[in-house]
Amino acid sequence: MRNLLNRFAKDESGATAIEYGLIAALIAVVIIGALLAIGPKLEQKFRDVENGLDGTAPGA
């Protein structure tokens, strides 16, 4: 039993998976933050394009 606990304490294979999970979470937070910062500007650009095309659409 003691041998099993010693092996469990020395096993680091799960630590790598946790590190990769933390890195992926950090990347996701950065992407979400960037999209929230850029979103309103991008939305306004699309509205400008839509308003510019309103008078030029066929059948309008």
PDB file of N, CA and C in Angstrom:
ATOM      1  N   MET A   1       0.830  -1.193   0.000  1.00  0.00           N
ATOM      2  CA  MET A   1       0.000   0.000   0.000  1.00  0.00           C
ATOM      3  C   MET A   1       0.873   1.255   0.000  1.00  0.00           C
ATOM      4  N   ARG A   2       1.941   1.192   0.795  1.00  0.00           N
ATOM      5  CA  ARG A   2       2.834   2.349   0.872  1.00  0.00           C
ATOM      6  C   ARG A   2       3.505   2.595  -0.489  1.00  0.00           C
ATOM      7  N   ASN A   3       3.852   1.511  -1.177  1.00  0.00           N
ATOM      8  CA  ASN A   3       4.468   1.612  -2.495  1.00  0.00           C
ATOM      9  C   ASN A   3       3.504   2.282  -3.481  1.00  0.00           C
ATOM     10  N   LEU A   4       2.251   1.924  -3.397  1.00  0.00           N
ATOM     11  CA  LEU A   4       1.238   2.522  -4.273  1.00  0.00           C
ATOM     12  C   LEU A   4       1.117   4.023  -4.037  1.00  0.00           C
ATOM     13  N   LEU A   5       1.112   4.433  -2.776  1.00  0.00           N
ATOM     14  CA  LEU A   5       1.015   5.864  -2.453  1.00  0.00           C
ATOM     15  C   LEU A   5       2.254   6.629  -2.913  1.00  0.00           C
ATOM     16  N   ASN A   6       3.421   6.018  -2.787  1.00  0.00           N
ATOM     17  CA  ASN A   6       4.655   6.667  -3.250  1.00  0.00           C
ATOM     18  C   ASN A   6       4.636   6.854  -4.767  1.00  0.00           C
ATOM     19  N   ARG A   7       4.195   5.824  -5.493  1.00  0.00           N
ATOM     20  CA  ARG A   7       4.109   5.952  -6.958  1.00  0.00           C
ATOM     21  C   ARG A   7       3.105   7.016  -7.345  1.00  0.00           C
ATOM     22  N   PHE A   8       1.983   7.069  -6.643  1.00  0.00           N
ATOM     23  CA  PHE A   8       0.958   8.076  -6.941  1.00  0.00           C
ATOM     24  C   PHE A   8       1.500   9.486  -6.699  1.00  0.00           C
ATOM     25  N   ALA A   9       2.255   9.679  -5.632  1.00  0.00           N
ATOM     26  CA  ALA A   9       2.808  10.987  -5.298  1.00  0.00           C
ATOM     27  C   ALA A   9       3.842  11.443  -6.323  1.00  0.00           C
ATOM     28  N   LYS A  10       4.582  10.485  -6.915  1.00  0.00           N
ATOM     29  CA  LYS A  10       5.630  10.826  -7.871  1.00  0.00           C
ATOM     30  C   LYS A  10       5.124  10.930  -9.308  1.00  0.00           C
ATOM     31  N   ASP A  11       3.916  10.468  -9.570  1.00  0.00           N
ATOM     32  CA  ASP A  11       3.362  10.464 -10.928  1.00  0.00           C
ATOM     33  C   ASP A  11       3.015  11.893 -11.341  1.00  0.00           C
ATOM     34  N   GLU A  12       3.580  12.356 -12.454  1.00  0.00           N
ATOM     35  CA  GLU A  12       3.338  13.712 -12.941  1.00  0.00           C
ATOM     36  C   GLU A  12       2.618  13.731 -14.284  1.00  0.00           C
ATOM     37  N   SER A  13       2.098  12.619 -14.727  1.00  0.00           N
ATOM     38  CA  SER A  13       1.462  12.576 -16.051  1.00  0.00           C
ATOM     39  C   SER A  13       0.192  13.428 -16.091  1.00  0.00           C
ATOM     40  N   GLY A  14      -0.539  13.514 -14.997  1.00  0.00           N
ATOM     41  CA  GLY A  14      -1.748  14.336 -14.972  1.00  0.00           C
ATOM     42  C   GLY A  14      -1.438  15.822 -14.944  1.00  0.00           C
ATOM     43  N   ALA A  15      -0.279  16.184 -14.426  1.00  0.00           N
ATOM     44  CA  ALA A  15       0.097  17.593 -14.337  1.00  0.00           C
ATOM     45  C   ALA A  15       0.220  18.212 -15.722  1.00  0.00           C
ATOM     46  N   THR A  16       0.730  17.451 -16.684  1.00  0.00           N
ATOM     47  CA  THR A  16       0.872  17.967 -18.041  1.00  0.00           C
ATOM     48  C   THR A  16      -0.490  18.257 -18.647  1.00  0.00           C
ATOM     49  N   ALA A  17      -1.441  17.382 -18.440  1.00  0.00           N
ATOM     50  CA  ALA A  17      -2.789  17.603 -18.972  1.00  0.00           C
ATOM     51  C   ALA A  17      -3.414  18.842 -18.343  1.00  0.00           C
ATOM     52  N   ILE A  18      -3.200  19.030 -17.067  1.00  0.00           N
ATOM     53  CA  ILE A  18      -3.741  20.219 -16.389  1.00  0.00           C
ATOM     54  C   ILE A  18      -3.084  21.477 -16.940  1.00  0.00           C
ATOM     55  N   GLU A  19      -1.784  21.437 -17.175  1.00  0.00           N
ATOM     56  CA  GLU A  19      -1.091  22.601 -17.736  1.00  0.00           C
ATOM     57  C   GLU A  19      -1.629  22.946 -19.119  1.00  0.00           C
ATOM     58  N   TYR A  20      -1.829  21.922 -19.952  1.00  0.00           N
ATOM     59  CA  TYR A  20      -2.386  22.187 -21.281  1.00  0.00           C
ATOM     60  C   TYR A  20      -3.796  22.746 -21.173  1.00  0.00           C
ATOM     61  N   GLY A  21      -4.564  22.267 -20.228  1.00  0.00           N
ATOM     62  CA  GLY A  21      -5.913  22.793 -20.007  1.00  0.00           C
ATOM     63  C   GLY A  21      -5.886  24.254 -19.589  1.00  0.00           C
ATOM     64  N   LEU A  22      -4.961  24.607 -18.724  1.00  0.00           N
ATOM     65  CA  LEU A  22      -4.836  26.003 -18.292  1.00  0.00           C
ATOM     66  C   LEU A  22      -4.400  26.902 -19.444  1.00  0.00           C
ATOM     67  N   ILE A  23      -3.492  26.419 -20.269  1.00  0.00           N
ATOM     68  CA  ILE A  23      -3.059  27.197 -21.429  1.00  0.00           C
ATOM     69  C   ILE A  23      -4.223  27.410 -22.394  1.00  0.00           C
ATOM     70  N   ALA A  24      -5.003  26.357 -22.642  1.00  0.00           N
ATOM     71  CA  ALA A  24      -6.157  26.481 -23.535  1.00  0.00           C
ATOM     72  C   ALA A  24      -7.182  27.460 -22.964  1.00  0.00           C
ATOM     73  N   ALA A  25      -7.397  27.421 -21.655  1.00  0.00           N
ATOM     74  CA  ALA A  25      -8.338  28.347 -21.027  1.00  0.00           C
ATOM     75  C   ALA A  25      -7.841  29.782 -21.149  1.00  0.00           C
ATOM     76  N   LEU A  26      -6.555  30.000 -20.976  1.00  0.00           N
ATOM     77  CA  LEU A  26      -5.987  31.340 -21.093  1.00  0.00           C
ATOM     78  C   LEU A  26      -6.125  31.861 -22.522  1.00  0.00           C
ATOM     79  N   ILE A  27      -5.876  31.020 -23.490  1.00  0.00           N
ATOM     80  CA  ILE A  27      -6.036  31.418 -24.890  1.00  0.00           C
ATOM     81  C   ILE A  27      -7.487  31.771 -25.177  1.00  0.00           C
ATOM     82  N   ALA A  28      -8.423  30.983 -24.638  1.00  0.00           N
ATOM     83  CA  ALA A  28      -9.843  31.266 -24.840  1.00  0.00           C
ATOM     84  C   ALA A  28     -10.226  32.608 -24.226  1.00  0.00           C
ATOM     85  N   VAL A  29      -9.706  32.910 -23.047  1.00  0.00           N
ATOM     86  CA  VAL A  29     -10.002  34.195 -22.395  1.00  0.00           C
ATOM     87  C   VAL A  29      -9.469  35.359 -23.236  1.00  0.00           C
ATOM     88  N   VAL A  30      -8.273  35.201 -23.789  1.00  0.00           N
ATOM     89  CA  VAL A  30      -7.692  36.254 -24.625  1.00  0.00           C
ATOM     90  C   VAL A  30      -8.525  36.455 -25.892  1.00  0.00           C
ATOM     91  N   ILE A  31      -8.958  35.369 -26.525  1.00  0.00           N
ATOM     92  CA  ILE A  31      -9.772  35.473 -27.738  1.00  0.00           C
ATOM     93  C   ILE A  31     -11.100  36.141 -27.433  1.00  0.00           C
ATOM     94  N   ILE A  32     -11.744  35.751 -26.346  1.00  0.00           N
ATOM     95  CA  ILE A  32     -13.029  36.355 -25.978  1.00  0.00           C
ATOM     96  C   ILE A  32     -12.849  37.834 -25.684  1.00  0.00           C
ATOM     97  N   GLY A  33     -11.795  38.176 -24.977  1.00  0.00           N
ATOM     98  CA  GLY A  33     -11.525  39.591 -24.691  1.00  0.00           C
ATOM     99  C   GLY A  33     -11.304  40.395 -25.959  1.00  0.00           C
ATOM    100  N   ALA A  34     -10.565  39.837 -26.897  1.00  0.00           N
ATOM    101  CA  ALA A  34     -10.311  40.539 -28.156  1.00  0.00           C
ATOM    102  C   ALA A  34     -11.609  40.715 -28.945  1.00  0.00           C
ATOM    103  N   LEU A  35     -12.437  39.679 -28.986  1.00  0.00           N
ATOM    104  CA  LEU A  35     -13.700  39.788 -29.717  1.00  0.00           C
ATOM    105  C   LEU A  35     -14.635  40.807 -29.074  1.00  0.00           C
ATOM    106  N   LEU A  36     -14.647  40.859 -27.751  1.00  0.00           N
ATOM    107  CA  LEU A  36     -15.481  41.849 -27.073  1.00  0.00           C
ATOM    108  C   LEU A  36     -14.984  43.267 -27.335  1.00  0.00           C
ATOM    109  N   ALA A  37     -13.677  43.434 -27.459  1.00  0.00           N
ATOM    110  CA  ALA A  37     -13.109  44.754 -27.721  1.00  0.00           C
ATOM    111  C   ALA A  37     -13.337  45.181 -29.169  1.00  0.00           C
ATOM    112  N   ILE A  38     -13.230  44.244 -30.101  1.00  0.00           N
ATOM    113  CA  ILE A  38     -13.340  44.557 -31.524  1.00  0.00           C
ATOM    114  C   ILE A  38     -14.791  44.518 -32.004  1.00  0.00           C
ATOM    115  N   GLY A  39     -15.641  43.767 -31.318  1.00  0.00           N
ATOM    116  CA  GLY A  39     -17.016  43.534 -31.748  1.00  0.00           C
ATOM    117  C   GLY A  39     -17.804  44.766 -32.135  1.00  0.00           C
ATOM    118  N   PRO A  40     -17.891  45.770 -31.253  1.00  0.00           N
ATOM    119  CA  PRO A  40     -18.686  46.955 -31.609  1.00  0.00           C
ATOM    120  C   PRO A  40     -18.170  47.687 -32.859  1.00  0.00           C
ATOM    121  N   LYS A  41     -16.868  47.771 -33.017  1.00  0.00           N
ATOM    122  CA  LYS A  41     -16.297  48.429 -34.196  1.00  0.00           C
ATOM    123  C   LYS A  41     -16.625  47.640 -35.460  1.00  0.00           C
ATOM    124  N   LEU A  42     -16.514  46.316 -35.371  1.00  0.00           N
ATOM    125  CA  LEU A  42     -16.813  45.467 -36.515  1.00  0.00           C
ATOM    126  C   LEU A  42     -18.299  45.547 -36.873  1.00  0.00           C
ATOM    127  N   GLU A  43     -19.139  45.560 -35.847  1.00  0.00           N
ATOM    128  CA  GLU A  43     -20.577  45.679 -36.092  1.00  0.00           C
ATOM    129  C   GLU A  43     -20.905  46.993 -36.795  1.00  0.00           C
ATOM    130  N   GLN A  44     -20.263  48.071 -36.388  1.00  0.00           N
ATOM    131  CA  GLN A  44     -20.501  49.368 -37.028  1.00  0.00           C
ATOM    132  C   GLN A  44     -20.039  49.362 -38.480  1.00  0.00           C
ATOM    133  N   LYS A  45     -18.927  48.695 -38.762  1.00  0.00           N
ATOM    134  CA  LYS A  45     -18.452  48.594 -40.147  1.00  0.00           C
ATOM    135  C   LYS A  45     -19.467  47.865 -41.021  1.00  0.00           C
ATOM    136  N   PHE A  46     -20.023  46.770 -40.514  1.00  0.00           N
ATOM    137  CA  PHE A  46     -21.021  46.034 -41.278  1.00  0.00           C
ATOM    138  C   PHE A  46     -22.279  46.878 -41.491  1.00  0.00           C
ATOM    139  N   ARG A  47     -22.656  47.658 -40.491  1.00  0.00           N
ATOM    140  CA  ARG A  47     -23.822  48.548 -40.651  1.00  0.00           C
ATOM    141  C   ARG A  47     -23.546  49.623 -41.689  1.00  0.00           C
ATOM    142  N   ASP A  48     -22.323  50.152 -41.697  1.00  0.00           N
ATOM    143  CA  ASP A  48     -21.953  51.152 -42.701  1.00  0.00           C
ATOM    144  C   ASP A  48     -22.035  50.555 -44.108  1.00  0.00           C
ATOM    145  N   VAL A  49     -21.545  49.333 -44.256  1.00  0.00           N
ATOM    146  CA  VAL A  49     -21.603  48.673 -45.562  1.00  0.00           C
ATOM    147  C   VAL A  49     -23.059  48.429 -45.952  1.00  0.00           C
ATOM    148  N   GLU A  50     -23.865  47.964 -45.016  1.00  0.00           N
ATOM    149  CA  GLU A  50     -25.275  47.705 -45.293  1.00  0.00           C
ATOM    150  C   GLU A  50     -25.991  48.992 -45.704  1.00  0.00           C
ATOM    151  N   ASN A  51     -25.731  50.064 -44.991  1.00  0.00           N
ATOM    152  CA  ASN A  51     -26.354  51.343 -45.339  1.00  0.00           C
ATOM    153  C   ASN A  51     -25.874  51.852 -46.688  1.00  0.00           C
ATOM    154  N   GLY A  52     -24.614  51.590 -47.012  1.00  0.00           N
ATOM    155  CA  GLY A  52     -24.093  51.993 -48.311  1.00  0.00           C
ATOM    156  C   GLY A  52     -24.661  51.204 -49.456  1.00  0.00           C
ATOM    157  N   LEU A  53     -25.035  49.972 -49.187  1.00  0.00           N
ATOM    158  CA  LEU A  53     -25.598  49.128 -50.249  1.00  0.00           C
ATOM    159  C   LEU A  53     -27.104  49.263 -50.390  1.00  0.00           C
ATOM    160  N   ASP A  54     -27.775  49.858 -49.446  1.00  0.00           N
ATOM    161  CA  ASP A  54     -29.237  49.956 -49.490  1.00  0.00           C
ATOM    162  C   ASP A  54     -29.750  50.599 -50.776  1.00  0.00           C
ATOM    163  N   GLY A  55     -29.119  51.630 -51.238  1.00  0.00           N
ATOM    164  CA  GLY A  55     -29.593  52.331 -52.424  1.00  0.00           C
ATOM    165  C   GLY A  55     -29.129  51.702 -53.728  1.00  0.00           C
ATOM    166  N   THR A  56     -28.188  50.773 -53.671  1.00  0.00           N
ATOM    167  CA  THR A  56     -27.630  50.200 -54.905  1.00  0.00           C
ATOM    168  C   THR A  56     -28.123  48.793 -55.185  1.00  0.00           C
ATOM    169  N   ALA A  57     -28.952  48.230 -54.318  1.00  0.00           N
ATOM    170  CA  ALA A  57     -29.425  46.875 -54.521  1.00  0.00           C
ATOM    171  C   ALA A  57     -30.426  46.825 -55.662  1.00  0.00           C
ATOM    172  N   PRO A  58     -30.340  45.822 -56.553  1.00  0.00           N
ATOM    173  CA  PRO A  58     -31.306  45.702 -57.649  1.00  0.00           C
ATOM    174  C   PRO A  58     -32.727  45.504 -57.111  1.00  0.00           C
ATOM    175  N   GLY A  59     -33.663  46.175 -57.723  1.00  0.00           N
ATOM    176  CA  GLY A  59     -35.061  46.040 -57.314  1.00  0.00           C
ATOM    177  C   GLY A  59     -35.403  46.904 -56.115  1.00  0.00           C
ATOM    178  N   ALA A  60     -34.469  47.708 -55.629  1.00  0.00           N
ATOM    179  CA  ALA A  60     -34.767  48.546 -54.471  1.00  0.00           C
ATOM    180  C   ALA A  60     -35.406  49.840 -54.873  1.00  0.00           C
TER     181      ALA A  60
END
